[in-house]
Amino acid sequence: MSDSSAVHESREDSRPHDGKRTSPATFYRQVVAELRKVVWPTQEQLVTYFLVVMVFVLFMMALVSVLDLAFGKLVFALFAGNSAQ
């Protein structure tokens, strides 16, 4: 048996065989059970991740702003030209 067929069979086994839909209450209980399995970050990790993301976003904003300014000046210099007649 190949790995893909084993995965396919395990997915079929987890589904209800009678074809009925899951009730909202059962779905809610399953969602809560899955959320209890999540490893949530500590406050220190959360602050660290937040700061890393903010620094990265600010760096990318500065980079895009500098490139925009540089290309804008370049295009203006190319097309504005001093036409003295």
PDB file of N, CA and C in Angstrom:
ATOM      1  N   MET A   1       0.859  -1.177   0.000  1.00  0.00           N
ATOM      2  CA  MET A   1       0.000   0.000   0.000  1.00  0.00           C
ATOM      3  C   MET A   1       0.896   1.227   0.000  1.00  0.00           C
ATOM      4  N   SER A   2       0.611   2.183  -0.871  1.00  0.00           N
ATOM      5  CA  SER A   2       1.411   3.399  -0.948  1.00  0.00           C
ATOM      6  C   SER A   2       1.011   4.360   0.167  1.00  0.00           C
ATOM      7  N   ASP A   3       1.888   5.328   0.414  1.00  0.00           N
ATOM      8  CA  ASP A   3       1.616   6.298   1.476  1.00  0.00           C
ATOM      9  C   ASP A   3       0.378   7.124   1.182  1.00  0.00           C
ATOM     10  N   SER A   4       0.195   7.491  -0.089  1.00  0.00           N
ATOM     11  CA  SER A   4      -0.949   8.342  -0.419  1.00  0.00           C
ATOM     12  C   SER A   4      -2.267   7.612  -0.207  1.00  0.00           C
ATOM     13  N   SER A   5      -2.313   6.309  -0.487  1.00  0.00           N
ATOM     14  CA  SER A   5      -3.560   5.583  -0.270  1.00  0.00           C
ATOM     15  C   SER A   5      -3.811   5.389   1.221  1.00  0.00           C
ATOM     16  N   ALA A   6      -2.727   5.264   2.006  1.00  0.00           N
ATOM     17  CA  ALA A   6      -2.898   5.136   3.455  1.00  0.00           C
ATOM     18  C   ALA A   6      -3.464   6.423   4.037  1.00  0.00           C
ATOM     19  N   VAL A   7      -2.988   7.561   3.554  1.00  0.00           N
ATOM     20  CA  VAL A   7      -3.494   8.850   4.019  1.00  0.00           C
ATOM     21  C   VAL A   7      -4.951   8.994   3.613  1.00  0.00           C
ATOM     22  N   HIS A   8      -5.259   8.601   2.392  1.00  0.00           N
ATOM     23  CA  HIS A   8      -6.624   8.715   1.889  1.00  0.00           C
ATOM     24  C   HIS A   8      -7.569   7.858   2.722  1.00  0.00           C
ATOM     25  N   GLU A   9      -7.150   6.637   3.053  1.00  0.00           N
ATOM     26  CA  GLU A   9      -8.006   5.768   3.844  1.00  0.00           C
ATOM     27  C   GLU A   9      -8.199   6.306   5.247  1.00  0.00           C
ATOM     28  N   SER A  10      -7.153   6.898   5.843  1.00  0.00           N
ATOM     29  CA  SER A  10      -7.301   7.410   7.198  1.00  0.00           C
ATOM     30  C   SER A  10      -8.249   8.603   7.221  1.00  0.00           C
ATOM     31  N   ARG A  11      -8.267   9.379   6.144  1.00  0.00           N
ATOM     32  CA  ARG A  11      -9.213  10.495   6.074  1.00  0.00           C
ATOM     33  C   ARG A  11     -10.636   9.980   5.986  1.00  0.00           C
ATOM     34  N   GLU A  12     -10.833   8.932   5.224  1.00  0.00           N
ATOM     35  CA  GLU A  12     -12.183   8.375   5.096  1.00  0.00           C
ATOM     36  C   GLU A  12     -12.663   7.813   6.420  1.00  0.00           C
ATOM     37  N   ASP A  13     -11.733   7.216   7.203  1.00  0.00           N
ATOM     38  CA  ASP A  13     -12.120   6.617   8.466  1.00  0.00           C
ATOM     39  C   ASP A  13     -12.572   7.663   9.475  1.00  0.00           C
ATOM     40  N   SER A  14     -12.060   8.890   9.372  1.00  0.00           N
ATOM     41  CA  SER A  14     -12.417   9.918  10.339  1.00  0.00           C
ATOM     42  C   SER A  14     -13.754  10.580  10.015  1.00  0.00           C
ATOM     43  N   ARG A  15     -14.253  10.367   8.822  1.00  0.00           N
ATOM     44  CA  ARG A  15     -15.534  10.966   8.433  1.00  0.00           C
ATOM     45  C   ARG A  15     -16.687  10.078   8.882  1.00  0.00           C
ATOM     46  N   PRO A  16     -17.824  10.683   9.151  1.00  0.00           N
ATOM     47  CA  PRO A  16     -18.996   9.861   9.484  1.00  0.00           C
ATOM     48  C   PRO A  16     -19.422   9.057   8.257  1.00  0.00           C
ATOM     49  N   HIS A  17     -19.745   7.798   8.473  1.00  0.00           N
ATOM     50  CA  HIS A  17     -20.087   6.919   7.351  1.00  0.00           C
ATOM     51  C   HIS A  17     -21.548   7.029   6.937  1.00  0.00           C
ATOM     52  N   ASP A  18     -22.379   7.613   7.780  1.00  0.00           N
ATOM     53  CA  ASP A  18     -23.800   7.664   7.466  1.00  0.00           C
ATOM     54  C   ASP A  18     -24.163   8.857   6.579  1.00  0.00           C
ATOM     55  N   GLY A  19     -23.219   9.743   6.295  1.00  0.00           N
ATOM     56  CA  GLY A  19     -23.467  10.864   5.398  1.00  0.00           C
ATOM     57  C   GLY A  19     -24.147  12.050   6.057  1.00  0.00           C
ATOM     58  N   LYS A  20     -24.399  11.989   7.356  1.00  0.00           N
ATOM     59  CA  LYS A  20     -25.062  13.100   8.040  1.00  0.00           C
ATOM     60  C   LYS A  20     -24.048  14.193   8.336  1.00  0.00           C
ATOM     61  N   ARG A  21     -24.539  15.408   8.401  1.00  0.00           N
ATOM     62  CA  ARG A  21     -23.695  16.551   8.741  1.00  0.00           C
ATOM     63  C   ARG A  21     -23.516  16.628  10.252  1.00  0.00           C
ATOM     64  N   THR A  22     -22.404  17.243  10.657  1.00  0.00           N
ATOM     65  CA  THR A  22     -22.135  17.447  12.072  1.00  0.00           C
ATOM     66  C   THR A  22     -23.024  18.573  12.592  1.00  0.00           C
ATOM     67  N   SER A  23     -23.597  18.376  13.766  1.00  0.00           N
ATOM     68  CA  SER A  23     -24.463  19.414  14.338  1.00  0.00           C
ATOM     69  C   SER A  23     -23.600  20.572  14.825  1.00  0.00           C
ATOM     70  N   PRO A  24     -24.162  21.771  14.904  1.00  0.00           N
ATOM     71  CA  PRO A  24     -23.394  22.921  15.396  1.00  0.00           C
ATOM     72  C   PRO A  24     -22.829  22.701  16.796  1.00  0.00           C
ATOM     73  N   ALA A  25     -23.563  22.033  17.666  1.00  0.00           N
ATOM     74  CA  ALA A  25     -23.075  21.790  19.026  1.00  0.00           C
ATOM     75  C   ALA A  25     -21.856  20.866  19.003  1.00  0.00           C
ATOM     76  N   THR A  26     -21.927  19.806  18.197  1.00  0.00           N
ATOM     77  CA  THR A  26     -20.789  18.886  18.083  1.00  0.00           C
ATOM     78  C   THR A  26     -19.592  19.604  17.482  1.00  0.00           C
ATOM     79  N   PHE A  27     -19.838  20.413  16.459  1.00  0.00           N
ATOM     80  CA  PHE A  27     -18.758  21.176  15.837  1.00  0.00           C
ATOM     81  C   PHE A  27     -18.093  22.097  16.861  1.00  0.00           C
ATOM     82  N   TYR A  28     -18.895  22.788  17.658  1.00  0.00           N
ATOM     83  CA  TYR A  28     -18.365  23.691  18.683  1.00  0.00           C
ATOM     84  C   TYR A  28     -17.508  22.929  19.690  1.00  0.00           C
ATOM     85  N   ARG A  29     -17.994  21.767  20.157  1.00  0.00           N
ATOM     86  CA  ARG A  29     -17.223  20.961  21.111  1.00  0.00           C
ATOM     87  C   ARG A  29     -15.897  20.511  20.498  1.00  0.00           C
ATOM     88  N   GLN A  30     -15.914  20.151  19.214  1.00  0.00           N
ATOM     89  CA  GLN A  30     -14.680  19.726  18.547  1.00  0.00           C
ATOM     90  C   GLN A  30     -13.702  20.895  18.406  1.00  0.00           C
ATOM     91  N   VAL A  31     -14.220  22.083  18.107  1.00  0.00           N
ATOM     92  CA  VAL A  31     -13.361  23.265  17.993  1.00  0.00           C
ATOM     93  C   VAL A  31     -12.713  23.568  19.337  1.00  0.00           C
ATOM     94  N   VAL A  32     -13.482  23.537  20.411  1.00  0.00           N
ATOM     95  CA  VAL A  32     -12.948  23.802  21.749  1.00  0.00           C
ATOM     96  C   VAL A  32     -11.892  22.754  22.108  1.00  0.00           C
ATOM     97  N   ALA A  33     -12.149  21.497  21.775  1.00  0.00           N
ATOM     98  CA  ALA A  33     -11.177  20.433  22.069  1.00  0.00           C
ATOM     99  C   ALA A  33      -9.874  20.662  21.303  1.00  0.00           C
ATOM    100  N   GLU A  34      -9.964  21.084  20.054  1.00  0.00           N
ATOM    101  CA  GLU A  34      -8.749  21.350  19.267  1.00  0.00           C
ATOM    102  C   GLU A  34      -8.002  22.564  19.805  1.00  0.00           C
ATOM    103  N   LEU A  35      -8.735  23.597  20.224  1.00  0.00           N
ATOM    104  CA  LEU A  35      -8.076  24.796  20.758  1.00  0.00           C
ATOM    105  C   LEU A  35      -7.353  24.499  22.071  1.00  0.00           C
ATOM    106  N   ARG A  36      -7.825  23.519  22.818  1.00  0.00           N
ATOM    107  CA  ARG A  36      -7.137  23.152  24.062  1.00  0.00           C
ATOM    108  C   ARG A  36      -5.800  22.482  23.771  1.00  0.00           C
ATOM    109  N   LYS A  37      -5.634  21.925  22.570  1.00  0.00           N
ATOM    110  CA  LYS A  37      -4.383  21.264  22.196  1.00  0.00           C
ATOM    111  C   LYS A  37      -3.323  22.267  21.739  1.00  0.00           C
ATOM    112  N   VAL A  38      -3.732  23.489  21.454  1.00  0.00           N
ATOM    113  CA  VAL A  38      -2.805  24.497  20.937  1.00  0.00           C
ATOM    114  C   VAL A  38      -1.832  24.911  22.030  1.00  0.00           C
ATOM    115  N   VAL A  39      -0.561  25.035  21.649  1.00  0.00           N
ATOM    116  CA  VAL A  39       0.453  25.535  22.580  1.00  0.00           C
ATOM    117  C   VAL A  39       0.517  27.045  22.384  1.00  0.00           C
ATOM    118  N   TRP A  40      -0.055  27.785  23.315  1.00  0.00           N
ATOM    119  CA  TRP A  40      -0.127  29.233  23.203  1.00  0.00           C
ATOM    120  C   TRP A  40       1.190  29.847  23.643  1.00  0.00           C
ATOM    121  N   PRO A  41       1.627  30.954  23.000  1.00  0.00           N
ATOM    122  CA  PRO A  41       2.879  31.595  23.407  1.00  0.00           C
ATOM    123  C   PRO A  41       2.726  32.291  24.758  1.00  0.00           C
ATOM    124  N   THR A  42       3.850  32.390  25.454  1.00  0.00           N
ATOM    125  CA  THR A  42       3.843  33.131  26.717  1.00  0.00           C
ATOM    126  C   THR A  42       3.789  34.623  26.399  1.00  0.00           C
ATOM    127  N   GLN A  43       3.565  35.437  27.418  1.00  0.00           N
ATOM    128  CA  GLN A  43       3.504  36.883  27.199  1.00  0.00           C
ATOM    129  C   GLN A  43       4.847  37.394  26.695  1.00  0.00           C
ATOM    130  N   GLU A  44       5.936  36.850  27.224  1.00  0.00           N
ATOM    131  CA  GLU A  44       7.269  37.276  26.785  1.00  0.00           C
ATOM    132  C   GLU A  44       7.496  36.934  25.305  1.00  0.00           C
ATOM    133  N   GLN A  45       7.089  35.749  24.891  1.00  0.00           N
ATOM    134  CA  GLN A  45       7.217  35.366  23.484  1.00  0.00           C
ATOM    135  C   GLN A  45       6.348  36.256  22.602  1.00  0.00           C
ATOM    136  N   LEU A  46       5.139  36.544  23.072  1.00  0.00           N
ATOM    137  CA  LEU A  46       4.227  37.374  22.308  1.00  0.00           C
ATOM    138  C   LEU A  46       4.789  38.774  22.095  1.00  0.00           C
ATOM    139  N   VAL A  47       5.365  39.357  23.138  1.00  0.00           N
ATOM    140  CA  VAL A  47       5.968  40.687  23.033  1.00  0.00           C
ATOM    141  C   VAL A  47       7.158  40.641  22.077  1.00  0.00           C
ATOM    142  N   THR A  48       7.971  39.601  22.187  1.00  0.00           N
ATOM    143  CA  THR A  48       9.135  39.459  21.308  1.00  0.00           C
ATOM    144  C   THR A  48       8.697  39.347  19.849  1.00  0.00           C
ATOM    145  N   TYR A  49       7.725  38.493  19.579  1.00  0.00           N
ATOM    146  CA  TYR A  49       7.233  38.330  18.201  1.00  0.00           C
ATOM    147  C   TYR A  49       6.660  39.636  17.668  1.00  0.00           C
ATOM    148  N   PHE A  50       5.904  40.341  18.515  1.00  0.00           N
ATOM    149  CA  PHE A  50       5.317  41.618  18.113  1.00  0.00           C
ATOM    150  C   PHE A  50       6.407  42.615  17.729  1.00  0.00           C
ATOM    151  N   LEU A  51       7.442  42.709  18.569  1.00  0.00           N
ATOM    152  CA  LEU A  51       8.524  43.666  18.285  1.00  0.00           C
ATOM    153  C   LEU A  51       9.277  43.296  17.011  1.00  0.00           C
ATOM    154  N   VAL A  52       9.528  42.019  16.806  1.00  0.00           N
ATOM    155  CA  VAL A  52      10.214  41.575  15.589  1.00  0.00           C
ATOM    156  C   VAL A  52       9.394  41.946  14.357  1.00  0.00           C
ATOM    157  N   VAL A  53       8.101  41.700  14.404  1.00  0.00           N
ATOM    158  CA  VAL A  53       7.236  42.027  13.269  1.00  0.00           C
ATOM    159  C   VAL A  53       7.192  43.533  13.032  1.00  0.00           C
ATOM    160  N   MET A  54       7.077  44.327  14.110  1.00  0.00           N
ATOM    161  CA  MET A  54       7.029  45.777  13.956  1.00  0.00           C
ATOM    162  C   MET A  54       8.321  46.327  13.363  1.00  0.00           C
ATOM    163  N   VAL A  55       9.473  45.833  13.822  1.00  0.00           N
ATOM    164  CA  VAL A  55      10.752  46.285  13.274  1.00  0.00           C
ATOM    165  C   VAL A  55      10.845  45.933  11.796  1.00  0.00           C
ATOM    166  N   PHE A  56      10.437  44.721  11.438  1.00  0.00           N
ATOM    167  CA  PHE A  56      10.473  44.305  10.035  1.00  0.00           C
ATOM    168  C   PHE A  56       9.556  45.183   9.184  1.00  0.00           C
ATOM    169  N   VAL A  57       8.347  45.440   9.659  1.00  0.00           N
ATOM    170  CA  VAL A  57       7.400  46.269   8.898  1.00  0.00           C
ATOM    171  C   VAL A  57       7.936  47.685   8.736  1.00  0.00           C
ATOM    172  N   LEU A  58       8.482  48.258   9.799  1.00  0.00           N
ATOM    173  CA  LEU A  58       9.044  49.613   9.713  1.00  0.00           C
ATOM    174  C   LEU A  58      10.232  49.656   8.754  1.00  0.00           C
ATOM    175  N   PHE A  59      11.077  48.633   8.781  1.00  0.00           N
ATOM    176  CA  PHE A  59      12.204  48.558   7.848  1.00  0.00           C
ATOM    177  C   PHE A  59      11.702  48.498   6.405  1.00  0.00           C
ATOM    178  N   MET A  60      10.698  47.666   6.149  1.00  0.00           N
ATOM    179  CA  MET A  60      10.169  47.538   4.788  1.00  0.00           C
ATOM    180  C   MET A  60       9.509  48.846   4.341  1.00  0.00           C
ATOM    181  N   MET A  61       8.817  49.529   5.248  1.00  0.00           N
ATOM    182  CA  MET A  61       8.222  50.824   4.907  1.00  0.00           C
ATOM    183  C   MET A  61       9.297  51.825   4.530  1.00  0.00           C
ATOM    184  N   ALA A  62      10.382  51.873   5.307  1.00  0.00           N
ATOM    185  CA  ALA A  62      11.473  52.799   5.007  1.00  0.00           C
ATOM    186  C   ALA A  62      12.122  52.455   3.679  1.00  0.00           C
ATOM    187  N   LEU A  63      12.337  51.176   3.412  1.00  0.00           N
ATOM    188  CA  LEU A  63      12.948  50.745   2.153  1.00  0.00           C
ATOM    189  C   LEU A  63      12.082  51.150   0.958  1.00  0.00           C
ATOM    190  N   VAL A  64      10.805  50.876   1.032  1.00  0.00           N
ATOM    191  CA  VAL A  64       9.897  51.220  -0.072  1.00  0.00           C
ATOM    192  C   VAL A  64       9.826  52.739  -0.239  1.00  0.00           C
ATOM    193  N   SER A  65       9.813  53.485   0.863  1.00  0.00           N
ATOM    194  CA  SER A  65       9.773  54.951   0.778  1.00  0.00           C
ATOM    195  C   SER A  65      11.023  55.512   0.110  1.00  0.00           C
ATOM    196  N   VAL A  66      12.185  54.986   0.483  1.00  0.00           N
ATOM    197  CA  VAL A  66      13.443  55.453  -0.125  1.00  0.00           C
ATOM    198  C   VAL A  66      13.474  55.113  -1.612  1.00  0.00           C
ATOM    199  N   LEU A  67      13.067  53.899  -1.964  1.00  0.00           N
ATOM    200  CA  LEU A  67      13.042  53.522  -3.381  1.00  0.00           C
ATOM    201  C   LEU A  67      12.059  54.386  -4.170  1.00  0.00           C
ATOM    202  N   ASP A  68      10.891  54.658  -3.582  1.00  0.00           N
ATOM    203  CA  ASP A  68       9.902  55.505  -4.244  1.00  0.00           C
ATOM    204  C   ASP A  68      10.455  56.907  -4.463  1.00  0.00           C
ATOM    205  N   LEU A  69      11.100  57.465  -3.464  1.00  0.00           N
ATOM    206  CA  LEU A  69      11.683  58.791  -3.589  1.00  0.00           C
ATOM    207  C   LEU A  69      12.780  58.807  -4.654  1.00  0.00           C
ATOM    208  N   ALA A  70      13.648  57.798  -4.634  1.00  0.00           N
ATOM    209  CA  ALA A  70      14.753  57.736  -5.596  1.00  0.00           C
ATOM    210  C   ALA A  70      14.235  57.595  -7.026  1.00  0.00           C
ATOM    211  N   PHE A  71      13.297  56.679  -7.244  1.00  0.00           N
ATOM    212  CA  PHE A  71      12.765  56.498  -8.595  1.00  0.00           C
ATOM    213  C   PHE A  71      11.969  57.727  -9.044  1.00  0.00           C
ATOM    214  N   GLY A  72      11.271  58.363  -8.106  1.00  0.00           N
ATOM    215  CA  GLY A  72      10.539  59.572  -8.447  1.00  0.00           C
ATOM    216  C   GLY A  72      11.467  60.686  -8.904  1.00  0.00           C
ATOM    217  N   LYS A  73      12.558  60.887  -8.179  1.00  0.00           N
ATOM    218  CA  LYS A  73      13.537  61.914  -8.567  1.00  0.00           C
ATOM    219  C   LYS A  73      14.189  61.568  -9.902  1.00  0.00           C
ATOM    220  N   LEU A  74      14.489  60.282 -10.122  1.00  0.00           N
ATOM    221  CA  LEU A  74      15.099  59.848 -11.369  1.00  0.00           C
ATOM    222  C   LEU A  74      14.161  60.109 -12.550  1.00  0.00           C
ATOM    223  N   VAL A  75      12.914  59.743 -12.404  1.00  0.00           N
ATOM    224  CA  VAL A  75      11.940  59.963 -13.488  1.00  0.00           C
ATOM    225  C   VAL A  75      11.739  61.459 -13.714  1.00  0.00           C
ATOM    226  N   PHE A  76      11.671  62.227 -12.650  1.00  0.00           N
ATOM    227  CA  PHE A  76      11.510  63.675 -12.795  1.00  0.00           C
ATOM    228  C   PHE A  76      12.724  64.276 -13.513  1.00  0.00           C
ATOM    229  N   ALA A  77      13.917  63.824 -13.163  1.00  0.00           N
ATOM    230  CA  ALA A  77      15.135  64.333 -13.807  1.00  0.00           C
ATOM    231  C   ALA A  77      15.171  63.957 -15.289  1.00  0.00           C
ATOM    232  N   LEU A  78      14.676  62.787 -15.623  1.00  0.00           N
ATOM    233  CA  LEU A  78      14.713  62.340 -17.028  1.00  0.00           C
ATOM    234  C   LEU A  78      13.690  63.087 -17.892  1.00  0.00           C
ATOM    235  N   PHE A  79      12.482  63.292 -17.370  1.00  0.00           N
ATOM    236  CA  PHE A  79      11.411  63.831 -18.191  1.00  0.00           C
ATOM    237  C   PHE A  79      11.128  65.314 -17.997  1.00  0.00           C
ATOM    238  N   ALA A  80      11.609  65.919 -16.924  1.00  0.00           N
ATOM    239  CA  ALA A  80      11.329  67.338 -16.692  1.00  0.00           C
ATOM    240  C   ALA A  80      12.205  68.167 -17.615  1.00  0.00           C
ATOM    241  N   GLY A  81      13.495  67.886 -17.637  1.00  0.00           N
ATOM    242  CA  GLY A  81      14.434  68.560 -18.554  1.00  0.00           C
ATOM    243  C   GLY A  81      14.257  70.072 -18.577  1.00  0.00           C
ATOM    244  N   ASN A  82      15.342  70.766 -18.766  1.00  0.00           N
ATOM    245  CA  ASN A  82      15.297  72.218 -18.905  1.00  0.00           C
ATOM    246  C   ASN A  82      15.298  72.527 -20.396  1.00  0.00           C
ATOM    247  N   SER A  83      14.142  72.845 -20.929  1.00  0.00           N
ATOM    248  CA  SER A  83      14.061  73.171 -22.359  1.00  0.00           C
ATOM    249  C   SER A  83      14.153  74.684 -22.516  1.00  0.00           C
ATOM    250  N   ALA A  84      15.361  75.173 -22.722  1.00  0.00           N
ATOM    251  CA  ALA A  84      15.587  76.606 -22.920  1.00  0.00           C
ATOM    252  C   ALA A  84      15.502  76.906 -24.411  1.00  0.00           C
ATOM    253  N   GLN A  85      14.528  77.713 -24.804  1.00  0.00           N
ATOM    254  CA  GLN A  85      14.377  78.036 -26.230  1.00  0.00           C
ATOM    255  C   GLN A  85      14.595  79.479 -26.485  1.00  0.00           C
TER     256      GLN A  85
END
